[in-house]
C-alpha atoms as a PDB file:
ATOM      1  CA  MET A   1     -12.216   3.396  67.108  1.00  0.00           C
ATOM      2  CA  ILE A   2     -10.804   0.071  67.165  1.00  0.00           C
ATOM      3  CA  ARG A   3     -13.292  -0.918  64.799  1.00  0.00           C
ATOM      4  CA  ILE A   4     -12.859   2.402  62.273  1.00  0.00           C
ATOM      5  CA  VAL A   5      -9.272   1.578  62.333  1.00  0.00           C
ATOM      6  CA  LEU A   6      -9.835  -2.411  61.135  1.00  0.00           C
ATOM      7  CA  ILE A   7     -12.093  -1.244  58.365  1.00  0.00           C
ATOM      8  CA  GLY A   8      -9.480   0.847  57.523  1.00  0.00           C
ATOM      9  CA  LEU A   9      -6.622  -1.731  57.410  1.00  0.00           C
ATOM     10  CA  TRP A  10      -9.223  -3.816  55.915  1.00  0.00           C
ATOM     11  CA  ILE A  11      -9.730  -1.591  52.773  1.00  0.00           C
ATOM     12  CA  CYS A  12      -6.148  -0.926  52.294  1.00  0.00           C
ATOM     13  CA  ALA A  13      -5.555  -4.713  52.316  1.00  0.00           C
ATOM     14  CA  VAL A  14      -8.369  -5.305  49.891  1.00  0.00           C
ATOM     15  CA  ALA A  15      -6.929  -2.448  47.498  1.00  0.00           C
ATOM     16  CA  LEU A  16      -3.331  -4.037  47.898  1.00  0.00           C
ATOM     17  CA  GLY A  17      -4.740  -7.593  46.982  1.00  0.00           C
ATOM     18  CA  SER A  18      -6.572  -6.294  43.546  1.00  0.00           C
ATOM     19  CA  LEU A  19      -3.427  -4.255  42.997  1.00  0.00           C
ATOM     20  CA  TYR A  20      -1.048  -7.400  43.423  1.00  0.00           C
ATOM     21  CA  PHE A  21      -3.635  -9.428  41.218  1.00  0.00           C
ATOM     22  CA  ALA A  22      -4.109  -6.832  38.503  1.00  0.00           C
ATOM     23  CA  VAL A  23      -0.116  -6.761  38.049  1.00  0.00           C
ATOM     24  CA  TRP A  24       0.096 -10.722  38.412  1.00  0.00           C
ATOM     25  CA  GLN A  25      -2.495 -11.096  35.476  1.00  0.00           C
ATOM     26  CA  ASN A  26      -1.349  -8.594  32.957  1.00  0.00           C
ATOM     27  CA  SER A  27       2.433  -9.793  33.165  1.00  0.00           C
ATOM     28  CA  ALA A  28       1.064 -13.593  32.923  1.00  0.00           C
ATOM     29  CA  THR A  29      -0.650 -12.418  29.799  1.00  0.00           C
ATOM     30  CA  ALA A  30       2.209 -10.346  28.146  1.00  0.00           C
ATOM     31  CA  ALA A  31       4.012 -13.275  28.500  1.00  0.00           C
ATOM     32  CA  VAL A  32       1.854 -16.115  27.122  1.00  0.00           C
ATOM     33  CA  ALA A  33       1.391 -14.070  23.900  1.00  0.00           C
ATOM     34  CA  PRO A  34       4.365 -11.801  22.882  1.00  0.00           C
ATOM     35  CA  GLN A  35       3.215  -9.355  20.234  1.00  0.00           C
ATOM     36  CA  THR A  36       5.561  -8.693  17.511  1.00  0.00           C
ATOM     37  CA  GLN A  37       4.515  -6.657  14.897  1.00  0.00           C
ATOM     38  CA  GLU A  38       5.927  -6.027  11.444  1.00  0.00           C
ATOM     39  CA  VAL A  39       7.065  -2.906  10.451  1.00  0.00           C
ATOM     40  CA  LEU A  40       6.171  -1.179   7.349  1.00  0.00           C
ATOM     41  CA  ASP A  41       7.305   1.987   5.234  1.00  0.00           C
ATOM     42  CA  ASP A  42       5.032   3.183   3.123  1.00  0.00           C
ATOM     43  CA  GLY A  43       5.140   5.506   0.224  1.00  0.00           C
ATOM     44  CA  LYS A  44       3.371   6.760  -3.358  1.00  0.00           C
ATOM     45  CA  THR A  45       4.346   6.572  -6.759  1.00  0.00           C
ATOM     46  CA  GLU A  46       4.306   9.929  -9.120  1.00  0.00           C
ATOM     47  CA  VAL A  47       0.950  10.004 -11.284  1.00  0.00           C
ATOM     48  CA  PHE A  48       2.282   7.872 -14.296  1.00  0.00           C
ATOM     49  CA  SER A  49       1.091   7.637 -17.697  1.00  0.00           C
ATOM     50  CA  VAL A  50       1.806   4.665 -20.410  1.00  0.00           C
ATOM     51  CA  PRO A  51       0.795   5.001 -23.502  1.00  0.00           C
ATOM     52  CA  ILE A  52      -1.066   2.458 -25.415  1.00  0.00           C
ATOM     53  CA  ILE A  53       0.167   1.857 -29.169  1.00  0.00           C
ATOM     54  CA  ILE A  54      -1.717  -0.190 -31.267  1.00  0.00           C
ATOM     55  CA  ASP A  55      -1.550  -0.564 -35.118  1.00  0.00           C
ATOM     56  CA  ASN A  56       1.721   2.258 -34.603  1.00  0.00           C
ATOM     57  CA  ALA A  57      -1.179   4.609 -32.982  1.00  0.00           C
ATOM     58  CA  VAL A  58      -1.441   6.024 -30.008  1.00  0.00           C
ATOM     59  CA  GLN A  59      -5.004   5.071 -28.778  1.00  0.00           C
ATOM     60  CA  GLY A  60      -5.021   5.887 -25.313  1.00  0.00           C
ATOM     61  CA  TYR A  61      -3.218   5.996 -21.870  1.00  0.00           C
ATOM     62  CA  VAL A  62      -3.176   4.201 -18.601  1.00  0.00           C
ATOM     63  CA  ILE A  63      -2.924   6.878 -15.921  1.00  0.00           C
ATOM     64  CA  SER A  64      -1.791   5.494 -12.480  1.00  0.00           C
ATOM     65  CA  GLN A  65      -0.978   6.605  -9.192  1.00  0.00           C
ATOM     66  CA  LEU A  66      -0.385   4.195  -6.291  1.00  0.00           C
ATOM     67  CA  ALA A  67       0.560   3.901  -3.113  1.00  0.00           C
ATOM     68  CA  TYR A  68       2.734   1.079  -1.721  1.00  0.00           C
ATOM     69  CA  THR A  69       4.297  -0.840   1.489  1.00  0.00           C
ATOM     70  CA  LEU A  70       7.400  -1.883   2.112  1.00  0.00           C
ATOM     71  CA  ASP A  71       9.462  -4.182   4.471  1.00  0.00           C
ATOM     72  CA  HIS A  72      11.212  -1.605   6.608  1.00  0.00           C
ATOM     73  CA  THR A  73      14.401  -4.025   7.367  1.00  0.00           C
ATOM     74  CA  VAL A  74      14.987  -4.521   3.728  1.00  0.00           C
ATOM     75  CA  ASN A  75      14.026  -0.590   2.760  1.00  0.00           C
ATOM     76  CA  ALA A  76      16.735   0.477   5.119  1.00  0.00           C
ATOM     77  CA  SER A  77      19.518  -1.427   3.029  1.00  0.00           C
ATOM     78  CA  PHE A  78      18.590   0.162  -0.193  1.00  0.00           C
ATOM     79  CA  LYS A  79      19.118   4.065  -1.119  1.00  0.00           C
ATOM     80  CA  VAL A  80      17.105   3.388  -4.446  1.00  0.00           C
ATOM     81  CA  PRO A  81      13.508   5.156  -4.509  1.00  0.00           C
ATOM     82  CA  VAL A  82      10.889   1.947  -4.870  1.00  0.00           C
ATOM     83  CA  SER A  83       8.574   4.233  -6.649  1.00  0.00           C
ATOM     84  CA  HIS A  84      11.510   4.081  -9.946  1.00  0.00           C
ATOM     85  CA  PHE A  85      11.007   0.114  -9.841  1.00  0.00           C
ATOM     86  CA  ILE A  86       7.271   0.372  -9.258  1.00  0.00           C
ATOM     87  CA  ASN A  87       6.597   2.808 -12.404  1.00  0.00           C
ATOM     88  CA  ASP A  88       9.298   0.654 -14.723  1.00  0.00           C
ATOM     89  CA  GLU A  89       6.728  -2.415 -13.821  1.00  0.00           C
ATOM     90  CA  ILE A  90       3.695  -0.568 -14.480  1.00  0.00           C
ATOM     91  CA  PHE A  91       5.092   0.716 -18.183  1.00  0.00           C
ATOM     92  CA  SER A  92       6.394  -2.985 -18.647  1.00  0.00           C
ATOM     93  CA  GLN A  93       3.089  -4.481 -17.768  1.00  0.00           C
ATOM     94  CA  PHE A  94       0.923  -2.073 -20.462  1.00  0.00           C
ATOM     95  CA  TYR A  95       3.330  -1.008 -22.668  1.00  0.00           C
ATOM     96  CA  GLY A  96       3.202  -3.042 -25.981  1.00  0.00           C
ATOM     97  CA  HIS A  97       1.061  -5.602 -24.885  1.00  0.00           C
ATOM     98  CA  TYR A  98      -2.181  -4.870 -25.967  1.00  0.00           C
ATOM     99  CA  SER A  99      -3.892  -5.395 -29.580  1.00  0.00           C
ATOM    100  CA  ASP A 100      -7.175  -4.049 -28.725  1.00  0.00           C
ATOM    101  CA  VAL A 101      -8.233  -1.074 -26.362  1.00  0.00           C
ATOM    102  CA  LYS A 102     -11.165  -3.044 -25.401  1.00  0.00           C
ATOM    103  CA  ASP A 103      -8.505  -5.334 -23.601  1.00  0.00           C
ATOM    104  CA  VAL A 104      -7.088  -2.588 -21.696  1.00  0.00           C
ATOM    105  CA  GLN A 105     -10.345  -1.562 -20.290  1.00  0.00           C
ATOM    106  CA  LYS A 106     -11.473  -5.185 -18.539  1.00  0.00           C
ATOM    107  CA  VAL A 107      -7.840  -5.207 -17.409  1.00  0.00           C
ATOM    108  CA  LYS A 108      -8.070  -6.626 -13.184  1.00  0.00           C
ATOM    109  CA  PHE A 109      -6.427  -4.745 -11.405  1.00  0.00           C
ATOM    110  CA  ASP A 110      -5.542  -7.756  -8.845  1.00  0.00           C
ATOM    111  CA  ASP A 111      -3.864  -9.735 -11.604  1.00  0.00           C
ATOM    112  CA  VAL A 112      -1.432  -6.326 -12.740  1.00  0.00           C
ATOM    113  CA  LYS A 113      -1.013  -5.761  -9.397  1.00  0.00           C
ATOM    114  CA  LYS A 114       0.306  -9.383  -8.073  1.00  0.00           C
ATOM    115  CA  SER A 115       2.484  -9.175 -11.092  1.00  0.00           C
ATOM    116  CA  ILE A 116       3.834  -5.512 -10.098  1.00  0.00           C
ATOM    117  CA  ILE A 117       4.603  -7.024  -6.906  1.00  0.00           C
ATOM    118  CA  ASP A 118       6.288 -10.027  -7.849  1.00  0.00           C
ATOM    119  CA  GLY A 119       8.244  -7.939 -10.718  1.00  0.00           C
ATOM    120  CA  VAL A 120       9.662  -5.700  -8.238  1.00  0.00           C
ATOM    121  CA  ASN A 121      10.449  -8.109  -5.499  1.00  0.00           C
ATOM    122  CA  ALA A 122      12.112 -10.281  -8.392  1.00  0.00           C
ATOM    123  CA  ARG A 123      14.851  -7.147  -8.593  1.00  0.00           C
ATOM    124  CA  PHE A 124      15.376  -7.310  -4.654  1.00  0.00           C
ATOM    125  CA  PRO A 125      17.386 -10.095  -2.863  1.00  0.00           C
ATOM    126  CA  GLN A 126      14.626 -10.002   0.077  1.00  0.00           C
ATOM    127  CA  PRO A 127      11.184  -9.601  -0.974  1.00  0.00           C
ATOM    128  CA  LEU A 128      10.421  -5.906  -0.523  1.00  0.00           C
ATOM    129  CA  VAL A 129       7.070  -4.917  -1.733  1.00  0.00           C
ATOM    130  CA  LYS A 130       4.293  -6.033   0.894  1.00  0.00           C
ATOM    131  CA  ASP A 131       1.387  -4.445  -0.625  1.00  0.00           C
ATOM    132  CA  LEU A 132      -0.027  -2.015  -3.283  1.00  0.00           C
ATOM    133  CA  LEU A 133      -3.040   0.011  -3.058  1.00  0.00           C
ATOM    134  CA  VAL A 134      -4.990   2.036  -6.010  1.00  0.00           C
ATOM    135  CA  GLU A 135      -4.572   5.946  -5.676  1.00  0.00           C
ATOM    136  CA  GLN A 136      -5.297   5.947  -9.284  1.00  0.00           C
ATOM    137  CA  PHE A 137      -5.741   3.765 -12.045  1.00  0.00           C
ATOM    138  CA  ASN A 138      -7.861   5.036 -15.171  1.00  0.00           C
ATOM    139  CA  TYR A 139      -7.843   4.085 -19.073  1.00  0.00           C
ATOM    140  CA  ILE A 140      -8.267   7.697 -21.253  1.00  0.00           C
ATOM    141  CA  THR A 141      -8.651   7.488 -24.983  1.00  0.00           C
ATOM    142  CA  ALA A 142      -6.866   9.683 -27.393  1.00  0.00           C
ATOM    143  CA  LYS A 143      -9.870  11.077 -28.568  1.00  0.00           C
ATOM    144  CA  GLU A 144     -11.016  12.108 -25.203  1.00  0.00           C
ATOM    145  CA  ILE A 145      -7.540  13.946 -24.391  1.00  0.00           C
ATOM    146  CA  ARG A 146      -7.763  15.472 -27.834  1.00  0.00           C
ATOM    147  CA  ASP A 147     -11.774  16.718 -27.303  1.00  0.00           C
ATOM    148  CA  GLN A 148     -10.554  17.934 -24.024  1.00  0.00           C
ATOM    149  CA  ASN A 149      -7.579  20.250 -25.952  1.00  0.00           C
ATOM    150  CA  THR A 150     -10.635  21.805 -28.524  1.00  0.00           C
ATOM    151  CA  LYS A 151     -13.227  22.509 -25.817  1.00  0.00           C
ATOM    152  CA  GLY A 152     -13.739  25.967 -26.349  1.00  0.00           C
ATOM    153  CA  LEU A 153     -11.787  26.649 -29.858  1.00  0.00           C
ATOM    154  CA  GLU A 154     -13.703  27.401 -32.835  1.00  0.00           C
ATOM    155  CA  ARG A 155     -13.014  24.566 -35.353  1.00  0.00           C
ATOM    156  CA  GLN A 156     -12.120  26.031 -38.874  1.00  0.00           C
END
């Protein structure tokens, strides 16, 4: 009978000892590496098209829709939607900056992305836009649009 009581006490002591060690180990690692996570907001722009005008004629359109991440603390202090600024930067990147359609088709989005982020952040006292992600980024020629609009119509 005494042996059963001693075994029971031994099991309780081992269980309490392992619980104490687990709690002590967890608090020691939490104190060593405090994790501070940056809080981000996200959103997406509307589908937006920019006409590409070469030699006084529309040669095509850049169609884009971007997702973005914002610094939450900076974003909370502004009431203006950031998507308007991003669309404005896209428009200023493409409107009137190309003299050949082939130049538009060779655009590297990483360069465009960096200049859009820099342009938007320059308008605010603190950097706001953290990253841009592509939802849609296409170039459509005016001929492709005309062909789509006249499909199924008889030509006279």
